Structure formats: C-alpha cells, structure tokens
Amino acid sequence: MTTTISNSIEVLQDLKKWQGTLRLKILNMYFKANAGHIGCSLSCIDLMIASLMSHKRKDEVFILSKGHAAASLYACLHELGEISDELLSTYYKEGTVLPAHPAPNKISGIPFATGSLGHGLPIALGIAQANKILGNDETTYVLMSDGETNEGTTWEAAHYAVAKQLDNLIVMIDKNGLQGFGNTNQVLGISADATKWQVMGFEVAECDGHDVEALYQQIDFFKNNKNGLPKVIIANTVKGKGVSYMENRLEWHYLPMNPEQYAVATNDILKAYL
C-alpha cells in the first residue's frame, strides 16, 4: 500500500517543491539546447510528479508515450538520481543518449523509444498483462497527450485493456487542448473525453492536472482498487503552465527561448512556485 498523502506532510511538501524545481530544470535544459517542445513538458510535469516521482516503485514501469516531452522525463530521472549531472548536460547535443524523444536501452527508467504517437499505450498494456499472468503486484503507468488519443492504436489498445481486465494499468492523459496543428476540438474532436473512456469500460477520473495533491490521491486510489477495470485519469492542463507568455499558446509547442524570454520564464516560476 502506498502512503496516503493526507497522512504525510513530508510527501506533500516534496510534491509542491518539485513543481517549481523541476520546471526550472526543464527551462534550463531547453534554453541551453536552444530547443522547442517546452509547452508540452510544462503541461505534463505535474502528472509525472504524482506518478513517476511519487508512486512508481523500482520494479514498476512508467512510459512517456508523448515522447516530445522528453525533457520532463529526463528532469525527473535526474532528480531521482538515474541521470547524472554530466549526462544531463548533454541533452540534445550530438552523440547524446538524451535526444529530443526518449531513446531506449541507455537509461534504466526509459525502457522503450517513444514519440511516434499512439505506441505507448499498447506497450504499457502488454507489460500490464504480463504482470497479471506472472502474478506480480505491479502497476504500469503510461502518460499520453490528448492529441494522441486521435490515433487508432489508442482505441484498439483500450479495447484490449478492457477485455483483459487490466486493472493494474493507469493511463494518464495530458488534456491541454492543443496539438501540433491547432486546438484538439478542431482537428478530430475531443477524444480525451471522460464519457468515451467510461463507455469503453475504463474506470475514469477527471482531475485538475496541476493539482499535485489531488493527482497523488487519485493515483493512490487507483493503485489499490483492483476491480477488473483499467484506469484512466483525464487531467485538464494548461500548455506552458507556469510561464505567463507560454500558457495556452500553440507556438510554444515548437519555439525555443531567447535570453530575455528565458529570464521572464524563470522569474515566473520562481514567483509562482518557490
């Protein structure tokens, strides 16, 4: 059983602290690399804090299916001691093992390559089913984007998870309302929808994706509620969360920061979280 946050002031303090320190780490990585995909990392980092940082056991698997947010994954693994300072400094550089999208077989916390959207959920449910067959009491976590739920592989995998009663699978959807070329409701409609997933046969929770305490508690409940239903958390998030000029702006799916923008972004995070 995991520790319930209401009984642990120390856990809550860690969650809140990580919201600021990990955002600063992400911004620093992107600025030094002169790279984009900043907004998508800032929208999902609180989900990673509540799952990868706080709940995942050493023998469990976390998959970042929205691989374009790789910097957030690297920041978390660095905080957890799985990536060294020296290695983190190579992010996005020639010859690095920390490229723009996660590469497998180099870091223990990155078991699969992701970023070709729609593949993370099928991989995760395969792991979850293997654990069921082997009788392992392990949870498999997968973090997806809302745009990624447009993919046909997502729905094929969802059917499979329900059919095989994979109640040891927790899916988290970063629902920031924006994907590569526009608003999700203007591309293929909103497929990260609670009713759709519930009708499919999932146990569904809809949360504020930046309320780390609520997210932690929901994951805690799902981990300990083995009722035959796979789980999904639809997290309402803000692209670029915490940086004033990035929030809800599609262009920050792509743009790098100049020095002035980096200074503003850092100041915004310091004021909001630290």
Protein backbone atom coordinates (compact mmCIF):
# COMPACT_ATOMS: atom_id res chain seq x y z
CA MET A 1 0.00 0.00 0.00
CA THR A 2 1.27 3.47 -0.81
CA THR A 3 1.29 6.25 1.75
CA THR A 4 -1.87 8.39 1.69
CA ILE A 5 -0.85 11.99 1.25
CA SER A 6 -3.28 13.26 3.89
CA ASN A 7 -1.17 11.38 6.44
CA SER A 8 2.18 12.66 5.20
CA ILE A 9 3.10 16.35 5.33
CA GLU A 10 6.56 15.42 4.05
CA VAL A 11 5.16 13.88 0.85
CA LEU A 12 3.01 16.95 0.20
CA GLN A 13 6.00 19.24 0.70
CA ASP A 14 8.01 17.20 -1.82
CA LEU A 15 5.21 17.38 -4.38
CA LYS A 16 4.93 21.16 -4.09
CA LYS A 17 8.69 21.67 -4.15
CA TRP A 18 9.09 19.57 -7.28
CA GLN A 19 6.53 21.69 -9.14
CA GLY A 20 8.99 24.58 -9.07
CA THR A 21 12.39 22.89 -9.10
CA LEU A 22 11.57 20.56 -11.99
CA ARG A 23 10.09 23.39 -14.06
CA LEU A 24 13.28 25.41 -13.57
CA LYS A 25 15.34 22.38 -14.55
CA ILE A 26 13.25 21.87 -17.70
CA LEU A 27 13.57 25.52 -18.71
CA ASN A 28 17.33 25.43 -18.19
CA MET A 29 17.67 22.31 -20.34
CA TYR A 30 15.63 23.77 -23.19
CA PHE A 31 17.41 27.12 -23.05
CA LYS A 32 20.89 25.60 -23.15
CA ALA A 33 19.87 23.31 -26.00
CA ASN A 34 18.03 26.09 -27.88
CA ALA A 35 15.24 23.55 -28.35
CA GLY A 36 11.46 23.54 -28.61
CA HIS A 37 8.60 21.46 -27.15
CA ILE A 38 8.71 23.49 -23.94
CA GLY A 39 4.96 23.98 -23.54
CA CYS A 40 4.18 20.27 -23.67
CA SER A 41 6.74 19.46 -20.97
CA LEU A 42 5.35 22.12 -18.64
CA SER A 43 1.79 20.86 -19.10
CA CYS A 44 2.56 17.27 -18.09
CA ILE A 45 5.23 17.65 -15.40
CA ASP A 46 2.73 17.65 -12.52
CA LEU A 47 1.35 14.31 -13.72
CA MET A 48 4.89 12.95 -13.71
CA ILE A 49 5.46 14.29 -10.20
CA ALA A 50 2.36 12.48 -8.94
CA SER A 51 3.21 9.18 -10.66
CA LEU A 52 6.85 8.67 -11.65
CA MET A 53 8.31 10.76 -8.82
CA SER A 54 5.95 9.72 -6.04
CA HIS A 55 4.25 6.39 -6.71
CA LYS A 56 6.32 4.30 -9.10
CA ARG A 57 8.23 1.54 -7.37
CA LYS A 58 11.60 0.37 -8.64
CA ASP A 59 10.10 -2.77 -10.19
CA GLU A 60 7.29 -0.89 -11.93
CA VAL A 61 7.29 0.68 -15.42
CA PHE A 62 6.48 4.26 -16.43
CA ILE A 63 6.13 5.05 -20.15
CA LEU A 64 6.08 8.57 -21.53
CA SER A 65 4.05 7.97 -24.67
CA LYS A 66 4.06 11.68 -25.60
CA GLY A 67 7.77 11.44 -26.27
CA HIS A 68 8.11 15.05 -27.44
CA ALA A 69 8.03 15.97 -23.72
CA ALA A 70 11.24 14.00 -23.16
CA ALA A 71 12.90 16.87 -21.28
CA SER A 72 10.36 16.49 -18.46
CA LEU A 73 11.20 12.79 -18.21
CA TYR A 74 14.94 13.48 -18.15
CA ALA A 75 14.45 16.15 -15.46
CA CYS A 76 12.55 13.69 -13.27
CA LEU A 77 15.08 10.90 -13.73
CA HIS A 78 17.87 13.34 -12.91
CA GLU A 79 16.06 14.34 -9.71
CA LEU A 80 15.69 10.66 -8.85
CA GLY A 81 19.42 10.05 -9.37
CA GLU A 82 19.06 7.90 -12.50
CA ILE A 83 20.69 10.54 -14.74
CA SER A 84 23.92 12.25 -13.66
CA ASP A 85 24.67 15.97 -13.88
CA GLU A 86 27.26 15.24 -16.56
CA LEU A 87 24.81 13.22 -18.66
CA LEU A 88 22.02 15.76 -18.29
CA SER A 89 24.34 18.47 -19.64
CA THR A 90 24.49 16.56 -22.95
CA TYR A 91 20.74 16.90 -23.60
CA TYR A 92 20.02 17.47 -27.31
CA LYS A 93 23.72 17.58 -28.19
CA GLU A 94 25.45 15.47 -30.84
CA GLY A 95 26.12 11.93 -29.61
CA THR A 96 23.84 12.25 -26.57
CA VAL A 97 21.72 9.42 -25.19
CA LEU A 98 19.18 12.10 -24.19
CA PRO A 99 17.73 13.15 -27.56
CA ALA A 100 14.56 15.13 -28.32
CA HIS A 101 12.48 11.96 -27.95
CA PRO A 102 13.36 9.19 -25.47
CA ALA A 103 15.74 6.51 -26.74
CA PRO A 104 15.73 3.02 -25.19
CA ASN A 105 18.39 0.80 -23.61
CA LYS A 106 20.57 3.60 -22.25
CA ILE A 107 18.78 4.72 -19.06
CA SER A 108 17.04 2.24 -16.76
CA GLY A 109 13.98 4.48 -16.46
CA ILE A 110 13.49 4.57 -20.25
CA PRO A 111 12.69 1.03 -21.41
CA PHE A 112 11.20 1.95 -24.80
CA ALA A 113 11.58 4.54 -27.53
CA THR A 114 8.51 6.77 -27.76
CA GLY A 115 7.36 9.81 -29.65
CA SER A 116 5.75 8.13 -32.62
CA LEU A 117 2.37 8.80 -31.08
CA GLY A 118 -0.06 6.04 -30.21
CA HIS A 119 2.53 3.39 -29.31
CA GLY A 120 2.97 3.94 -25.57
CA LEU A 121 -0.42 2.60 -24.51
CA PRO A 122 -0.10 -0.69 -26.45
CA ILE A 123 3.35 -1.25 -24.94
CA ALA A 124 2.10 -0.45 -21.44
CA LEU A 125 -0.83 -2.84 -21.59
CA GLY A 126 1.46 -5.62 -22.78
CA ILE A 127 3.55 -5.09 -19.66
CA ALA A 128 0.43 -4.94 -17.50
CA GLN A 129 -0.87 -8.21 -18.94
CA ALA A 130 2.49 -9.91 -18.41
CA ASN A 131 2.37 -8.84 -14.76
CA LYS A 132 -1.14 -10.29 -14.46
CA ILE A 133 -0.03 -13.60 -15.95
CA LEU A 134 3.02 -13.77 -13.68
CA GLY A 135 1.03 -12.78 -10.59
CA ASN A 136 3.15 -9.66 -9.98
CA ASP A 137 1.63 -6.89 -7.87
CA GLU A 138 2.96 -4.10 -10.06
CA THR A 139 1.28 -1.09 -11.62
CA THR A 140 2.13 0.08 -15.12
CA TYR A 141 1.82 3.82 -15.82
CA VAL A 142 1.54 5.49 -19.22
CA LEU A 143 1.33 9.23 -19.88
CA MET A 144 -0.32 10.28 -23.14
CA SER A 145 -1.27 13.54 -24.84
CA ASP A 146 -4.86 14.39 -25.69
CA GLY A 147 -3.95 14.73 -29.36
CA GLU A 148 -2.50 11.23 -29.19
CA THR A 149 -5.96 9.84 -28.42
CA ASN A 150 -6.81 10.57 -32.07
CA GLU A 151 -4.67 7.55 -33.00
CA GLY A 152 -6.42 4.31 -33.92
CA THR A 153 -3.86 2.31 -31.95
CA THR A 154 -5.06 4.06 -28.80
CA TRP A 155 -8.58 2.71 -29.19
CA GLU A 156 -7.51 -0.77 -30.21
CA ALA A 157 -5.32 -0.88 -27.11
CA ALA A 158 -8.14 0.48 -24.94
CA HIS A 159 -10.46 -2.32 -26.09
CA TYR A 160 -7.75 -4.86 -25.31
CA ALA A 161 -7.16 -3.44 -21.81
CA VAL A 162 -10.86 -3.75 -21.02
CA ALA A 163 -11.15 -7.24 -22.49
CA LYS A 164 -8.19 -8.47 -20.43
CA GLN A 165 -9.34 -6.66 -17.23
CA LEU A 166 -6.02 -4.88 -16.80
CA ASP A 167 -6.81 -3.13 -13.53
CA ASN A 168 -3.06 -2.82 -12.89
CA LEU A 169 -2.81 -0.23 -15.71
CA ILE A 170 -3.07 3.51 -15.03
CA VAL A 171 -3.39 5.73 -18.10
CA MET A 172 -2.87 9.48 -17.68
CA ILE A 173 -3.97 11.87 -20.42
CA ASP A 174 -2.44 15.35 -20.54
CA LYS A 175 -5.50 17.23 -21.82
CA ASN A 176 -4.10 20.67 -22.62
CA GLY A 177 -6.43 21.23 -25.57
CA LEU A 178 -3.68 21.89 -28.12
CA GLN A 179 -1.88 19.59 -30.54
CA GLY A 180 0.67 20.11 -33.28
CA PHE A 181 -1.56 21.99 -35.70
CA GLY A 182 -4.35 23.51 -33.64
CA ASN A 183 -6.99 23.06 -30.96
CA THR A 184 -7.85 19.40 -30.40
CA ASN A 185 -11.58 20.09 -30.75
CA GLN A 186 -10.94 21.50 -34.25
CA VAL A 187 -8.76 18.63 -35.50
CA LEU A 188 -10.66 15.37 -34.87
CA GLY A 189 -12.81 16.47 -31.97
CA ILE A 190 -12.17 15.82 -28.30
CA SER A 191 -11.27 12.15 -27.94
CA ALA A 192 -9.78 12.62 -24.45
CA ASP A 193 -13.34 12.60 -23.18
CA ALA A 194 -14.44 11.04 -19.88
CA THR A 195 -17.69 9.66 -21.26
CA LYS A 196 -15.98 7.96 -24.22
CA TRP A 197 -13.48 6.20 -21.96
CA GLN A 198 -16.14 5.22 -19.44
CA VAL A 199 -18.36 3.74 -22.16
CA MET A 200 -15.32 1.85 -23.42
CA GLY A 201 -15.11 0.18 -20.00
CA PHE A 202 -12.42 2.14 -18.13
CA GLU A 203 -12.67 3.44 -14.61
CA VAL A 204 -12.37 7.17 -15.20
CA ALA A 205 -11.32 10.14 -13.08
CA GLU A 206 -11.16 13.72 -14.31
CA CYS A 207 -8.75 15.98 -12.40
CA ASP A 208 -7.05 19.35 -12.40
CA GLY A 209 -3.77 18.30 -13.98
CA HIS A 210 -1.80 20.82 -11.94
CA ASP A 211 -3.20 19.92 -8.52
CA VAL A 212 -0.46 17.52 -7.48
CA GLU A 213 -2.16 16.58 -4.21
CA ALA A 214 -5.39 15.59 -5.99
CA LEU A 215 -3.44 13.70 -8.64
CA TYR A 216 -1.42 11.87 -6.00
CA GLN A 217 -4.55 10.83 -4.13
CA GLN A 218 -6.28 9.66 -7.30
CA ILE A 219 -3.32 7.52 -8.33
CA ASP A 220 -3.16 6.14 -4.79
CA PHE A 221 -6.83 5.15 -5.00
CA PHE A 222 -6.46 3.56 -8.43
CA LYS A 223 -3.40 1.54 -7.39
CA ASN A 224 -5.33 -0.02 -4.55
CA ASN A 225 -8.69 -0.50 -6.29
CA LYS A 226 -8.38 -3.80 -8.13
CA ASN A 227 -11.89 -4.17 -9.58
CA GLY A 228 -11.17 -5.60 -13.02
CA LEU A 229 -11.25 -2.22 -14.78
CA PRO A 230 -8.27 -0.45 -16.37
CA LYS A 231 -7.89 3.11 -15.06
CA VAL A 232 -7.61 6.45 -16.81
CA ILE A 233 -7.04 9.93 -15.38
CA ILE A 234 -8.07 12.69 -17.75
CA ALA A 235 -6.06 15.65 -16.50
CA ASN A 236 -7.16 19.12 -17.53
CA THR A 237 -3.91 21.00 -18.05
CA VAL A 238 -2.50 24.21 -19.48
CA LYS A 239 0.15 24.11 -22.18
CA GLY A 240 3.17 26.05 -20.90
CA LYS A 241 1.82 26.04 -17.32
CA GLY A 242 3.67 28.47 -15.08
CA VAL A 243 5.18 30.71 -17.78
CA SER A 244 2.97 33.72 -18.49
CA TYR A 245 3.68 34.15 -22.20
CA MET A 246 3.57 30.40 -22.97
CA GLU A 247 0.27 29.42 -21.37
CA ASN A 248 -2.32 28.18 -23.90
CA ARG A 249 -0.15 29.29 -26.83
CA LEU A 250 0.24 26.81 -29.68
CA GLU A 251 3.56 28.29 -30.86
CA TRP A 252 5.24 27.06 -27.65
CA HIS A 253 4.77 23.54 -28.90
CA TYR A 254 7.73 24.41 -31.15
CA LEU A 255 9.65 27.57 -30.27
CA PRO A 256 12.93 27.83 -28.34
CA MET A 257 13.56 30.69 -25.87
CA ASN A 258 15.84 33.65 -26.37
CA PRO A 259 17.75 35.00 -23.32
CA GLU A 260 15.09 37.60 -22.47
CA GLN A 261 12.29 35.03 -22.66
CA TYR A 262 14.28 32.59 -20.53
CA ALA A 263 14.73 35.27 -17.85
CA VAL A 264 11.00 36.01 -17.79
CA ALA A 265 10.11 32.31 -17.69
CA THR A 266 12.49 31.67 -14.79
CA ASN A 267 11.12 34.62 -12.87
CA ASP A 268 7.54 33.45 -13.46
CA ILE A 269 8.32 30.01 -12.00
CA LEU A 270 10.15 31.45 -9.01
CA LYS A 271 7.18 33.70 -8.19
CA ALA A 272 4.55 31.01 -8.75
CA TYR A 273 6.15 28.01 -7.06
CA LEU A 274 9.22 28.85 -4.96
